[in-house]
């Protein structure tokens, strides 16, 4: 039976502790769990504390510990002990004594794990277990110490600050190397760094945290993304709507947000009217009012609204991050009001939109879908058994019929209905929850929505919430990092750069610019006094997809060569051929 990676990581926390005690005998060990990507141990060093430059020495000692413990049949031997025995063993370690007292108060069994018994690397820890059978299962090259940080004992700032030593650990050295490579790549791709370098967006202290301002180039990204999203919906029965950015408190009390979401909402007080409002945290309550102001019959169903509407949420300051966590977010929101019998068809349409969108973005490899279903305690959910069974079967059938890579997760449904959450990986393998499809039986009930069925009776619709990109801001943050700022031609803020060799060619370059801009290709001229080599390099640094160099030869022949930001070069093009080449690539939305 293969040992789990978590057990290997937990075992390495013990190995780290054994090495530390050999090098720093007066160290007091506290807790050392397995965590995502590795492990850590929190340690109190009464005298000298290690520095990151000591990592080579500590890791060498860890390898010695691994070998010493591997010589025994079992590297971790469990001992069940009494409270008095445990406290006697750890009498000089107040941290372990505190942990033992907690185990006793919870009525749990006290277990110690002994490693390397009888060797100079003998180490015993208070532990619940979860280790490898033998440390020979751990490849020496599959782990490394990563960093040192401070950590308050038990996360309480009133307690003593301890030294936390982090380690990375994977199944193999190759996986470790890949993780380190991707982490370095992630730093280069950080959308906050690229956003500043490429002049895409600005975070202003005067405007406020979590309220990004989009520069002209960033505004192009937003516009192109919204335009593409609308193009995927406009022929599928959706109608564009617009709703204001604020509403009276009564709207949110009816929707339930006032009771459950108030702490995350911004309140607004009218200076003249003296009325109280809230900035909308979601578009759906407004869309309920649009539906309610009509008398729909079953012949009108489904009714589909589309709105890239900006909403506002009072996120904690410490959680704000560039574009991926903001306080003003524009959801590519859609709400469908349909009959229960229409759920399957409508969700199928949405799933196909999601697949087309993320195929265009080059993010379909390795995706998966969480199918969130109702839990066993049905009292926690709104709606009849019949409606839930129909809805869950519809979503399950859709996953199967579309060959979606899905995982059913019982108890993960929202109280108002089951849902599909789509997880996509970016170019360096990081997973993002982006698109979502949610069935809702709650809001139609709260807003008393209805349409007239075939019998002339009022019937309650089901609402389907769906977002393709999630929020425009967050998706753009992901996209900047996914493409490393080198956007595909159709999305790129500047699609073509005209590079005149010198001042003599400027007039021709300006005439060329005027002709190109009429074709709706986004074009720019380099008017600097730099040499040609520097101008070309500057265009590459700005990640512009294509540039066209204008010299005497181009002016005389009226033919052009396009140079891509990679090695691509297309030569001998007339003006019309150059434009057609670019337009065809833009139209195809090729990567």
Protein backbone atom coordinates (compact mmCIF):
# COMPACT_ATOMS: atom_id res chain seq x y z
CA UNK A 1 0.00 0.00 0.00
CA UNK A 2 1.45 3.35 -1.07
CA UNK A 3 2.14 5.82 1.73
CA UNK A 4 0.22 9.06 1.33
CA UNK A 5 2.14 12.23 0.58
CA UNK A 6 0.62 13.80 3.69
CA UNK A 7 2.17 11.03 5.83
CA UNK A 8 5.55 11.65 4.21
CA UNK A 9 5.27 15.35 4.93
CA UNK A 10 4.27 14.71 8.53
CA UNK A 11 7.15 12.26 8.94
CA UNK A 12 9.56 14.90 7.63
CA UNK A 13 8.39 17.31 10.33
CA UNK A 14 9.60 14.71 12.87
CA UNK A 15 12.85 14.29 10.91
CA UNK A 16 13.37 18.07 11.02
CA UNK A 17 12.80 18.04 14.78
CA UNK A 18 15.35 15.24 15.22
CA UNK A 19 17.94 17.18 13.22
CA UNK A 20 17.27 20.44 15.07
CA UNK A 21 17.70 18.78 18.47
CA UNK A 22 21.04 17.34 17.35
CA UNK A 23 22.29 20.77 16.26
CA UNK A 24 20.46 22.89 18.86
CA UNK A 25 20.08 20.64 21.95
CA UNK A 26 18.28 23.27 24.08
CA UNK A 27 15.51 23.83 21.50
CA UNK A 28 11.94 23.27 22.69
CA UNK A 29 9.77 21.58 20.06
CA UNK A 30 6.09 22.55 19.93
CA UNK A 31 3.99 21.42 16.92
CA UNK A 32 4.97 20.18 13.46
CA UNK A 33 2.16 19.36 11.01
CA UNK A 34 2.03 18.49 7.33
CA UNK A 35 0.73 21.40 5.25
CA UNK A 36 0.09 22.11 1.58
CA UNK A 37 3.34 21.59 -0.35
CA UNK A 38 5.30 20.41 2.70
CA UNK A 39 5.59 20.74 6.46
CA UNK A 40 6.76 23.04 9.24
CA UNK A 41 7.80 22.90 12.87
CA UNK A 42 7.33 25.70 15.43
CA UNK A 43 10.31 25.83 17.77
CA UNK A 44 11.36 27.86 20.79
CA UNK A 45 15.13 28.48 20.72
CA UNK A 46 16.20 29.72 24.19
CA UNK A 47 19.65 30.73 22.93
CA UNK A 48 20.89 30.68 19.32
CA UNK A 49 18.30 30.53 16.54
CA UNK A 50 19.13 29.12 13.09
CA UNK A 51 19.14 31.35 10.04
CA UNK A 52 18.28 30.42 6.47
CA UNK A 53 22.01 30.24 5.69
CA UNK A 54 22.07 27.26 8.11
CA UNK A 55 19.63 25.29 5.93
CA UNK A 56 22.34 23.28 4.16
CA UNK A 57 23.74 22.12 7.51
CA UNK A 58 20.26 21.30 8.88
CA UNK A 59 19.22 19.45 5.72
CA UNK A 60 22.42 17.38 5.78
CA UNK A 61 21.54 16.43 9.34
CA UNK A 62 17.98 15.56 8.24
CA UNK A 63 19.45 13.12 5.70
CA UNK A 64 21.49 11.53 8.50
CA UNK A 65 18.31 11.20 10.59
CA UNK A 66 16.47 9.61 7.65
CA UNK A 67 19.19 6.97 7.27
CA UNK A 68 19.43 6.25 11.00
CA UNK A 69 15.69 5.81 11.37
CA UNK A 70 15.52 3.72 8.18
CA UNK A 71 17.78 1.08 9.74
CA UNK A 72 14.98 0.10 12.11
CA UNK A 73 12.07 -2.06 11.00
CA UNK A 74 9.56 0.66 11.89
CA UNK A 75 10.72 4.27 11.92
CA UNK A 76 7.79 5.43 14.08
CA UNK A 77 6.83 3.27 17.06
CA UNK A 78 3.60 4.19 18.83
CA UNK A 79 3.41 4.24 22.64
CA UNK A 80 0.11 4.78 24.45
CA UNK A 81 0.84 6.48 27.76
CA UNK A 82 -1.00 7.83 30.77
CA UNK A 83 -1.32 11.51 31.56
CA UNK A 84 1.28 11.26 34.33
CA UNK A 85 3.74 9.39 32.08
CA UNK A 86 3.36 11.95 29.31
CA UNK A 87 3.79 14.88 31.67
CA UNK A 88 6.84 13.30 33.25
CA UNK A 89 8.46 12.75 29.85
CA UNK A 90 7.83 16.35 28.74
CA UNK A 91 8.30 17.99 32.17
CA UNK A 92 10.84 20.45 30.77
CA UNK A 93 8.70 21.50 27.77
CA UNK A 94 5.79 23.77 28.79
CA UNK A 95 4.39 23.71 25.23
CA UNK A 96 3.98 19.94 25.19
CA UNK A 97 2.53 20.04 28.72
CA UNK A 98 -0.13 22.48 27.51
CA UNK A 99 -0.94 20.20 24.56
CA UNK A 100 -1.16 17.16 26.85
CA UNK A 101 -3.63 18.99 29.09
CA UNK A 102 -5.79 19.73 26.05
CA UNK A 103 -5.76 16.04 25.04
CA UNK A 104 -6.82 15.08 28.56
CA UNK A 105 -9.64 17.64 28.66
CA UNK A 106 -10.99 16.34 25.36
CA UNK A 107 -10.95 12.80 26.75
CA UNK A 108 -8.63 11.56 24.02
CA UNK A 109 -5.92 8.93 24.18
CA UNK A 110 -2.34 10.17 24.64
CA UNK A 111 0.10 8.71 22.11
CA UNK A 112 3.82 9.22 21.68
CA UNK A 113 5.84 8.19 18.65
CA UNK A 114 9.44 7.08 19.14
CA UNK A 115 11.94 7.17 16.27
CA UNK A 116 15.55 5.98 16.10
CA UNK A 117 15.42 4.29 19.50
CA UNK A 118 18.91 3.59 20.82
CA UNK A 119 20.64 5.76 18.21
CA UNK A 120 22.13 9.23 18.61
CA UNK A 121 19.12 10.51 16.65
CA UNK A 122 16.47 9.13 19.02
CA UNK A 123 13.43 11.41 19.10
CA UNK A 124 10.04 11.08 20.79
CA UNK A 125 7.11 13.33 19.99
CA UNK A 126 3.56 13.82 21.21
CA UNK A 127 1.58 12.95 18.12
CA UNK A 128 -1.70 11.52 16.80
CA UNK A 129 0.09 9.62 14.05
CA UNK A 130 0.06 9.45 10.30
CA UNK A 131 3.62 8.52 9.24
CA UNK A 132 5.53 6.37 6.80
CA UNK A 133 6.34 2.85 7.94
CA UNK A 134 10.01 3.43 7.25
CA UNK A 135 11.89 6.60 6.32
CA UNK A 136 13.57 4.71 3.46
CA UNK A 137 10.30 5.48 1.62
CA UNK A 138 11.32 9.15 1.52
CA UNK A 139 13.69 10.14 -1.28
CA UNK A 140 16.48 12.42 -0.01
CA UNK A 141 16.03 14.67 -3.03
CA UNK A 142 12.27 15.03 -2.64
CA UNK A 143 12.34 17.66 0.12
CA UNK A 144 14.15 20.85 1.07
CA UNK A 145 13.97 23.51 3.75
CA UNK A 146 12.28 26.60 2.41
CA UNK A 147 12.09 29.56 4.77
CA UNK A 148 11.99 30.78 8.36
CA UNK A 149 9.17 32.89 9.77
CA UNK A 150 7.86 34.01 13.14
CA UNK A 151 4.71 32.44 14.59
CA UNK A 152 2.96 33.11 17.87
CA UNK A 153 2.38 30.01 19.99
CA UNK A 154 -1.08 28.70 19.06
CA UNK A 155 -1.62 31.72 16.80
CA UNK A 156 -2.25 34.07 19.73
CA UNK A 157 -0.33 37.35 19.62
CA UNK A 158 -0.38 37.44 23.44
CA UNK A 159 1.82 34.34 23.47
CA UNK A 160 5.53 34.01 22.80
CA UNK A 161 6.86 34.37 19.28
CA UNK A 162 8.35 31.09 18.07
CA UNK A 163 10.56 30.26 15.09
CA UNK A 164 8.71 28.44 12.31
CA UNK A 165 10.87 26.48 9.89
CA UNK A 166 9.07 25.58 6.65
CA UNK A 167 10.01 22.71 4.37
CA UNK A 168 8.83 21.63 0.93
CA UNK A 169 8.18 17.95 0.21
CA UNK A 170 6.89 15.98 -2.79
CA UNK A 171 6.87 12.38 -3.94
CA UNK A 172 9.95 12.82 -6.11
CA UNK A 173 12.79 15.24 -6.69
CA UNK A 174 11.37 15.99 -10.13
CA UNK A 175 8.07 17.13 -8.59
CA UNK A 176 9.99 19.31 -6.12
CA UNK A 177 12.01 20.89 -8.95
CA UNK A 178 8.82 21.54 -10.93
CA UNK A 179 7.18 23.19 -7.93
CA UNK A 180 10.21 25.46 -7.38
CA UNK A 181 10.31 26.34 -11.09
CA UNK A 182 6.60 27.17 -11.14
CA UNK A 183 6.89 29.25 -7.99
CA UNK A 184 9.68 31.33 -9.54
CA UNK A 185 7.64 31.60 -12.72
CA UNK A 186 4.65 32.77 -10.65
CA UNK A 187 6.74 35.64 -9.25
CA UNK A 188 7.60 36.78 -12.79
CA UNK A 189 3.93 36.49 -13.80
CA UNK A 190 2.51 38.27 -10.73
CA UNK A 191 -0.32 40.35 -12.16
CA UNK A 192 0.41 43.19 -9.72
CA UNK A 193 3.97 43.46 -11.07
CA UNK A 194 2.95 43.08 -14.74
CA UNK A 195 -0.06 45.37 -14.29
CA UNK A 196 2.30 48.15 -13.22
CA UNK A 197 4.98 47.45 -15.85
CA UNK A 198 2.47 47.20 -18.72
CA UNK A 199 0.36 50.10 -17.41
CA UNK A 200 -2.84 48.07 -17.14
CA UNK A 201 -4.25 49.21 -13.79
CA UNK A 202 -3.49 51.42 -10.82
CA UNK A 203 -4.11 51.01 -7.10
CA UNK A 204 -4.42 54.46 -5.51
CA UNK A 205 -4.25 55.10 -1.78
CA UNK A 206 -6.44 58.15 -2.32
CA UNK A 207 -9.14 56.08 -4.03
CA UNK A 208 -8.88 53.22 -1.52
CA UNK A 209 -7.74 49.64 -1.13
CA UNK A 210 -9.44 47.06 -3.32
CA UNK A 211 -10.70 49.70 -5.78
CA UNK A 212 -8.50 49.31 -8.89
CA UNK A 213 -8.42 51.98 -11.59
CA UNK A 214 -7.99 50.69 -15.12
CA UNK A 215 -5.52 52.50 -17.36
CA UNK A 216 -6.41 52.81 -21.08
CA UNK A 217 -4.71 49.50 -21.91
CA UNK A 218 -6.42 47.73 -19.01
CA UNK A 219 -9.76 49.20 -20.08
CA UNK A 220 -9.23 47.60 -23.51
CA UNK A 221 -8.81 44.20 -21.81
CA UNK A 222 -12.07 44.72 -19.92
CA UNK A 223 -13.95 45.83 -23.01
CA UNK A 224 -12.68 42.95 -25.17
CA UNK A 225 -13.50 40.40 -22.49
CA UNK A 226 -17.03 41.75 -21.97
CA UNK A 227 -17.55 41.95 -25.74
CA UNK A 228 -16.49 38.33 -26.18
CA UNK A 229 -18.70 37.16 -23.31
CA UNK A 230 -21.71 38.92 -24.82
CA UNK A 231 -20.96 37.39 -28.24
CA UNK A 232 -21.30 33.94 -26.63
CA UNK A 233 -24.76 34.80 -25.26
CA UNK A 234 -26.51 37.13 -27.69
CA UNK A 235 -27.77 34.37 -30.00
CA UNK A 236 -28.97 32.16 -27.13
CA UNK A 237 -31.98 34.15 -25.97
CA UNK A 238 -30.23 36.43 -23.47
CA UNK A 239 -31.27 40.05 -23.12
CA UNK A 240 -28.98 42.75 -21.77
CA UNK A 241 -30.23 44.66 -18.73
CA UNK A 242 -28.82 47.40 -16.51
CA UNK A 243 -29.44 47.95 -12.82
CA UNK A 244 -28.25 50.72 -10.45
CA UNK A 245 -25.35 50.32 -8.07
CA UNK A 246 -27.38 50.80 -4.92
CA UNK A 247 -30.80 50.05 -3.47
CA UNK A 248 -32.91 50.51 -0.38
CA UNK A 249 -32.35 48.24 2.60
CA UNK A 250 -35.77 46.62 2.06
CA UNK A 251 -34.56 44.94 -1.14
CA UNK A 252 -31.80 43.12 0.76
CA UNK A 253 -34.06 42.20 3.65
CA UNK A 254 -36.41 40.56 1.15
CA UNK A 255 -33.54 38.74 -0.59
CA UNK A 256 -32.02 37.60 2.70
CA UNK A 257 -28.73 39.44 2.26
CA UNK A 258 -29.71 41.87 5.00
CA UNK A 259 -29.96 39.00 7.49
CA UNK A 260 -26.88 37.03 6.37
CA UNK A 261 -24.55 39.37 4.47
CA UNK A 262 -24.88 42.78 6.11
CA UNK A 263 -21.36 42.87 7.57
CA UNK A 264 -19.93 42.55 4.06
CA UNK A 265 -22.03 45.38 2.58
CA UNK A 266 -21.36 49.13 2.26
CA UNK A 267 -24.07 51.45 3.54
CA UNK A 268 -24.77 54.82 1.90
CA UNK A 269 -26.60 57.77 3.48
CA UNK A 270 -28.16 60.38 1.19
CA UNK A 271 -26.92 63.88 1.99
CA UNK A 272 -30.03 65.52 0.59
CA UNK A 273 -32.71 62.82 0.82
CA UNK A 274 -31.37 61.53 4.19
CA UNK A 275 -32.40 58.08 2.96
CA UNK A 276 -30.33 54.97 3.69
CA UNK A 277 -29.13 52.73 0.88
CA UNK A 278 -26.70 49.87 0.38
CA UNK A 279 -24.24 49.40 -2.47
CA UNK A 280 -25.31 46.18 -4.12
CA UNK A 281 -23.21 43.12 -3.18
CA UNK A 282 -24.90 41.02 -5.91
CA UNK A 283 -26.99 41.71 -9.00
CA UNK A 284 -29.57 38.99 -8.43
CA UNK A 285 -32.03 40.90 -6.15
CA UNK A 286 -32.27 43.64 -8.79
CA UNK A 287 -32.89 41.06 -11.52
CA UNK A 288 -35.71 39.58 -9.45
CA UNK A 289 -37.42 42.97 -9.65
CA UNK A 290 -37.07 43.06 -13.42
CA UNK A 291 -38.78 39.67 -13.72
CA UNK A 292 -41.46 40.65 -11.19
CA UNK A 293 -42.46 43.71 -13.24
CA UNK A 294 -43.74 41.49 -16.07
CA UNK A 295 -46.63 39.10 -16.52
CA UNK A 296 -44.95 36.10 -18.08
CA UNK A 297 -46.67 32.94 -19.22
CA UNK A 298 -45.16 29.51 -19.77
CA UNK A 299 -44.76 30.47 -23.46
CA UNK A 300 -42.26 33.19 -22.44
CA UNK A 301 -40.08 30.85 -20.41
CA UNK A 302 -37.15 30.82 -20.05
CA UNK A 303 -36.40 34.50 -19.44
CA UNK A 304 -32.66 35.26 -19.57
CA UNK A 305 -30.95 38.42 -18.30
CA UNK A 306 -27.30 39.33 -18.93
CA UNK A 307 -25.49 42.12 -17.09
CA UNK A 308 -21.78 42.73 -16.49
CA UNK A 309 -22.75 44.63 -13.34
CA UNK A 310 -20.34 46.08 -10.78
CA UNK A 311 -21.03 45.08 -7.18
CA UNK A 312 -19.37 46.06 -3.91
CA UNK A 313 -18.25 43.94 -0.98
CA UNK A 314 -16.47 45.06 2.16
CA UNK A 315 -13.63 42.56 2.01
CA UNK A 316 -11.11 42.63 4.86
CA UNK A 317 -8.15 44.89 4.09
CA UNK A 318 -5.61 42.14 4.75
CA UNK A 319 -7.25 39.87 2.17
CA UNK A 320 -7.20 42.38 -0.70
CA UNK A 321 -4.78 41.52 -3.49
CA UNK A 322 -4.39 43.36 -6.80
CA UNK A 323 -7.28 42.32 -9.05
CA UNK A 324 -7.89 38.85 -7.60
CA UNK A 325 -9.48 40.12 -4.36
CA UNK A 326 -11.16 43.53 -4.65
CA UNK A 327 -14.02 45.53 -3.16
CA UNK A 328 -15.49 46.62 -6.51
CA UNK A 329 -16.00 43.64 -8.79
CA UNK A 330 -17.83 43.35 -12.08
CA UNK A 331 -19.62 40.04 -12.40
CA UNK A 332 -20.37 38.76 -15.88
CA UNK A 333 -23.72 38.00 -14.39
CA UNK A 334 -26.58 36.08 -15.92
CA UNK A 335 -29.87 35.01 -14.38
CA UNK A 336 -32.27 32.62 -16.07
CA UNK A 337 -35.85 32.17 -14.94
CA UNK A 338 -37.09 28.82 -16.18
CA UNK A 339 -39.39 25.88 -15.54
CA UNK A 340 -38.09 22.81 -13.72
CA UNK A 341 -38.39 20.84 -16.97
CA UNK A 342 -36.13 23.39 -18.73
CA UNK A 343 -33.20 23.15 -16.28
CA UNK A 344 -31.32 20.50 -18.22
CA UNK A 345 -31.51 22.24 -21.59
CA UNK A 346 -30.53 25.65 -20.18
CA UNK A 347 -27.60 24.37 -18.10
CA UNK A 348 -26.39 22.45 -21.16
CA UNK A 349 -26.26 25.74 -23.06
CA UNK A 350 -24.31 27.38 -20.23
CA UNK A 351 -21.84 24.47 -20.02
CA UNK A 352 -21.16 24.77 -23.75
CA UNK A 353 -20.52 28.51 -23.33
CA UNK A 354 -18.09 27.77 -20.49
CA UNK A 355 -16.25 25.16 -22.57
CA UNK A 356 -15.96 27.51 -25.56
CA UNK A 357 -14.75 30.42 -23.40
CA UNK A 358 -12.03 28.44 -21.59
CA UNK A 359 -10.95 26.65 -24.77
CA UNK A 360 -10.35 30.10 -26.27
CA UNK A 361 -8.32 31.00 -23.18
CA UNK A 362 -6.27 27.79 -23.38
CA UNK A 363 -7.37 26.64 -19.92
CA UNK A 364 -9.32 23.44 -20.57
CA UNK A 365 -6.44 21.05 -19.84
CA UNK A 366 -6.81 19.46 -16.43
CA UNK A 367 -10.10 21.18 -15.54
CA UNK A 368 -12.62 19.52 -13.25
CA UNK A 369 -16.12 20.26 -11.97
CA UNK A 370 -17.45 20.00 -8.44
CA UNK A 371 -21.06 18.79 -8.49
CA UNK A 372 -22.40 20.11 -5.18
CA UNK A 373 -25.36 18.06 -3.93
CA UNK A 374 -27.75 18.21 -0.97
CA UNK A 375 -26.67 16.63 2.33
CA UNK A 376 -28.56 14.02 4.34
CA UNK A 377 -30.23 16.52 6.68
CA UNK A 378 -32.90 17.83 4.32
CA UNK A 379 -34.14 20.38 6.86
CA UNK A 380 -31.14 22.55 5.93
CA UNK A 381 -32.38 23.01 2.35
CA UNK A 382 -35.21 24.93 0.73
CA UNK A 383 -37.52 23.19 -1.74
CA UNK A 384 -39.38 19.92 -2.07
CA UNK A 385 -37.73 16.52 -2.50
CA UNK A 386 -39.21 16.31 -5.98
CA UNK A 387 -37.64 19.61 -7.10
CA UNK A 388 -34.25 18.69 -5.61
CA UNK A 389 -34.26 15.24 -7.17
CA UNK A 390 -35.13 16.72 -10.58
CA UNK A 391 -32.45 19.42 -10.29
CA UNK A 392 -29.69 17.10 -9.06
CA UNK A 393 -30.51 14.51 -11.74
CA UNK A 394 -30.42 17.24 -14.39
CA UNK A 395 -26.96 18.41 -13.28
CA UNK A 396 -25.66 14.83 -13.04
CA UNK A 397 -27.00 14.00 -16.53
CA UNK A 398 -25.42 17.17 -17.91
CA UNK A 399 -22.02 16.20 -16.43
CA UNK A 400 -22.29 12.73 -18.00
CA UNK A 401 -23.65 13.82 -21.38
CA UNK A 402 -20.95 16.49 -21.74
CA UNK A 403 -18.21 14.10 -20.55
CA UNK A 404 -17.26 16.59 -17.86
CA UNK A 405 -14.51 15.59 -15.46
CA UNK A 406 -16.68 15.93 -12.34
CA UNK A 407 -16.71 14.90 -8.69
CA UNK A 408 -20.02 14.71 -6.79
CA UNK A 409 -19.68 16.22 -3.32
CA UNK A 410 -22.60 15.56 -0.99
CA UNK A 411 -23.49 18.32 1.45
CA UNK A 412 -21.75 21.04 -0.63
CA UNK A 413 -24.93 22.42 -2.23
CA UNK A 414 -26.11 25.87 -1.26
CA UNK A 415 -29.26 25.84 0.87
CA UNK A 416 -31.18 27.17 -2.14
CA UNK A 417 -30.05 24.58 -4.70
CA UNK A 418 -27.34 22.34 -6.20
CA UNK A 419 -24.53 23.79 -8.31
CA UNK A 420 -21.58 23.17 -10.61
CA UNK A 421 -18.27 24.88 -9.80
CA UNK A 422 -15.65 24.75 -12.56
CA UNK A 423 -11.96 24.52 -11.59
CA UNK A 424 -9.39 25.48 -14.22
CA UNK A 425 -5.58 25.41 -14.28
CA UNK A 426 -3.45 28.24 -15.58
CA UNK A 427 -0.26 27.92 -17.65
CA UNK A 428 1.85 26.96 -14.62
CA UNK A 429 -0.62 24.50 -13.13
CA UNK A 430 -2.29 26.61 -10.44
CA UNK A 431 -5.96 25.84 -9.88
CA UNK A 432 -8.64 28.57 -9.91
CA UNK A 433 -12.37 28.28 -9.22
CA UNK A 434 -13.83 30.44 -11.98
CA UNK A 435 -17.12 29.57 -13.69
CA UNK A 436 -20.20 28.55 -11.73
CA UNK A 437 -23.77 27.42 -12.41
CA UNK A 438 -26.19 27.47 -9.47
CA UNK A 439 -29.82 26.43 -9.22
CA UNK A 440 -31.88 28.58 -6.84
CA UNK A 441 -35.31 27.79 -5.37
CA UNK A 442 -34.92 30.42 -2.65
CA UNK A 443 -35.10 33.85 -4.33
CA UNK A 444 -38.24 33.07 -6.41
CA UNK A 445 -39.90 32.11 -3.11
CA UNK A 446 -38.69 35.18 -1.20
CA UNK A 447 -39.75 37.56 -3.98
CA UNK A 448 -42.98 35.63 -4.70
CA UNK A 449 -42.15 35.30 -8.40
CA UNK A 450 -44.47 33.43 -10.72
CA UNK A 451 -45.53 32.87 -14.30
CA UNK A 452 -48.83 31.50 -15.62
CA UNK A 453 -48.71 27.82 -16.61
CA UNK A 454 -50.82 25.90 -19.17
CA UNK A 455 -53.67 25.54 -16.67
CA UNK A 456 -53.87 29.28 -16.06
CA UNK A 457 -52.33 28.82 -12.58
CA UNK A 458 -49.42 30.69 -11.05
CA UNK A 459 -46.27 28.57 -11.03
CA UNK A 460 -42.95 29.30 -9.34
CA UNK A 461 -39.90 29.55 -11.65
CA UNK A 462 -36.44 28.21 -10.84
CA UNK A 463 -33.60 30.73 -11.05
CA UNK A 464 -30.27 29.70 -12.55
CA UNK A 465 -27.35 31.91 -11.54
CA UNK A 466 -24.39 31.59 -13.88
CA UNK A 467 -21.06 33.34 -14.23
CA UNK A 468 -18.63 32.39 -16.97
CA UNK A 469 -15.49 34.30 -15.98
CA UNK A 470 -16.54 34.81 -12.36
CA UNK A 471 -15.73 38.47 -12.00
CA UNK A 472 -14.05 40.51 -14.73
CA UNK A 473 -11.39 41.87 -12.34
CA UNK A 474 -10.45 38.51 -10.85
CA UNK A 475 -10.42 36.81 -14.23
CA UNK A 476 -8.18 39.53 -15.66
CA UNK A 477 -5.78 39.01 -12.74
CA UNK A 478 -5.73 35.28 -13.55
CA UNK A 479 -5.41 35.96 -17.30
CA UNK A 480 -2.49 38.38 -16.88
CA UNK A 481 -0.62 35.64 -15.01
CA UNK A 482 -1.81 32.83 -17.31
CA UNK A 483 -0.53 34.67 -20.41
CA UNK A 484 2.39 36.30 -18.51
CA UNK A 485 1.16 39.62 -19.98
CA UNK A 486 1.66 38.33 -23.55
CA UNK A 487 -2.01 38.31 -24.51
CA UNK A 488 -3.28 36.66 -27.68
CA UNK A 489 -3.70 39.09 -30.55
CA UNK A 490 -7.49 39.51 -30.20
CA UNK A 491 -7.19 40.48 -26.52
CA UNK A 492 -3.95 42.46 -26.62
CA UNK A 493 -4.36 46.19 -25.74
CA UNK A 494 -1.93 47.12 -28.54
CA UNK A 495 -2.01 44.70 -31.45
CA UNK A 496 0.54 46.29 -33.76
CA UNK A 497 3.46 48.67 -33.23
CA UNK A 498 4.78 50.79 -36.10
CA UNK A 499 8.55 51.23 -35.74
CA UNK A 500 10.03 53.91 -38.04
CA UNK A 501 13.79 53.47 -38.45
CA UNK A 502 14.38 57.20 -38.00
CA UNK A 503 12.85 60.64 -38.11
CA UNK A 504 12.78 60.60 -41.92
CA UNK A 505 10.15 57.87 -41.91
CA UNK A 506 7.88 59.50 -39.29
CA UNK A 507 5.49 61.17 -41.73
CA UNK A 508 4.95 57.90 -43.60
CA UNK A 509 4.50 56.09 -40.27
CA UNK A 510 1.80 58.58 -39.24
CA UNK A 511 -0.02 58.13 -42.54
CA UNK A 512 0.19 54.36 -42.09
CA UNK A 513 -1.18 54.73 -38.55
CA UNK A 514 -4.21 56.70 -39.80
CA UNK A 515 -5.02 54.01 -42.36
CA UNK A 516 -4.61 51.12 -39.92
CA UNK A 517 -6.67 52.64 -37.11
CA UNK A 518 -9.67 52.84 -39.46
CA UNK A 519 -9.60 49.03 -39.68
CA UNK A 520 -10.20 48.75 -35.89
CA UNK A 521 -6.77 47.23 -35.33
CA UNK A 522 -5.24 48.71 -32.18
CA UNK A 523 -2.00 50.33 -33.34
CA UNK A 524 0.72 52.53 -31.85
CA UNK A 525 3.82 54.35 -33.21
CA UNK A 526 7.23 54.38 -31.56
CA UNK A 527 8.25 58.04 -31.91
CA UNK A 528 11.32 57.85 -29.69
CA UNK A 529 14.79 58.91 -30.78
CA UNK A 530 16.26 55.48 -29.95
CA UNK A 531 17.99 53.26 -32.48
CA UNK A 532 16.09 50.50 -34.27
CA UNK A 533 17.44 47.73 -32.03
CA UNK A 534 16.25 49.48 -28.86
CA UNK A 535 12.83 50.19 -30.39
CA UNK A 536 12.37 46.53 -31.33
CA UNK A 537 13.47 45.40 -27.86
CA UNK A 538 11.06 47.89 -26.25
CA UNK A 539 8.16 46.44 -28.26
CA UNK A 540 9.13 42.93 -27.10
CA UNK A 541 9.33 44.07 -23.46
CA UNK A 542 5.85 45.58 -23.83
CA UNK A 543 4.74 42.14 -25.15
CA UNK A 544 3.15 43.63 -28.28
CA UNK A 545 2.10 40.77 -30.60
CA UNK A 546 3.34 42.27 -33.88
CA UNK A 547 5.52 45.11 -35.06
CA UNK A 548 6.13 46.52 -38.53
CA UNK A 549 9.43 48.27 -39.25
CA UNK A 550 9.19 51.24 -41.62
CA UNK A 551 12.31 52.18 -43.57
CA UNK A 552 13.08 53.61 -47.01
CA UNK A 553 12.64 50.16 -48.56
CA UNK A 554 9.08 49.81 -47.20
CA UNK A 555 8.20 53.35 -48.32
CA UNK A 556 9.49 52.79 -51.85
CA UNK A 557 7.93 49.33 -52.34
CA UNK A 558 4.84 49.93 -50.18
CA UNK A 559 5.25 46.37 -48.86
CA UNK A 560 5.66 45.39 -45.25
CA UNK A 561 7.01 42.67 -42.98
CA UNK A 562 5.32 41.67 -39.75
CA UNK A 563 7.53 40.49 -36.91
CA UNK A 564 5.87 38.54 -34.10
CA UNK A 565 7.00 38.72 -30.48
CA UNK A 566 8.36 35.18 -30.86
CA UNK A 567 10.31 34.10 -33.94
CA UNK A 568 7.42 34.58 -36.36
CA UNK A 569 8.07 36.73 -39.42
CA UNK A 570 5.75 37.33 -42.39
CA UNK A 571 7.36 39.23 -45.27
CA UNK A 572 6.43 40.92 -48.55
CA UNK A 573 2.89 41.94 -47.61
CA UNK A 574 0.90 44.66 -49.31
CA UNK A 575 -1.03 46.95 -46.99
CA UNK A 576 -4.23 45.02 -47.70
CA UNK A 577 -2.53 41.65 -47.12
CA UNK A 578 -1.04 42.86 -43.83
CA UNK A 579 -4.44 44.03 -42.59
CA UNK A 580 -6.16 40.81 -43.69
CA UNK A 581 -3.51 38.69 -41.98
CA UNK A 582 -4.06 40.51 -38.68
CA UNK A 583 -7.87 40.61 -38.98
CA UNK A 584 -8.06 36.88 -39.72
CA UNK A 585 -5.99 36.10 -36.63
CA UNK A 586 -8.09 38.45 -34.49
CA UNK A 587 -11.31 36.92 -35.82
CA UNK A 588 -10.14 33.36 -35.10
CA UNK A 589 -9.13 34.28 -31.53
CA UNK A 590 -6.12 32.00 -31.89
CA UNK A 591 -3.70 31.75 -28.98
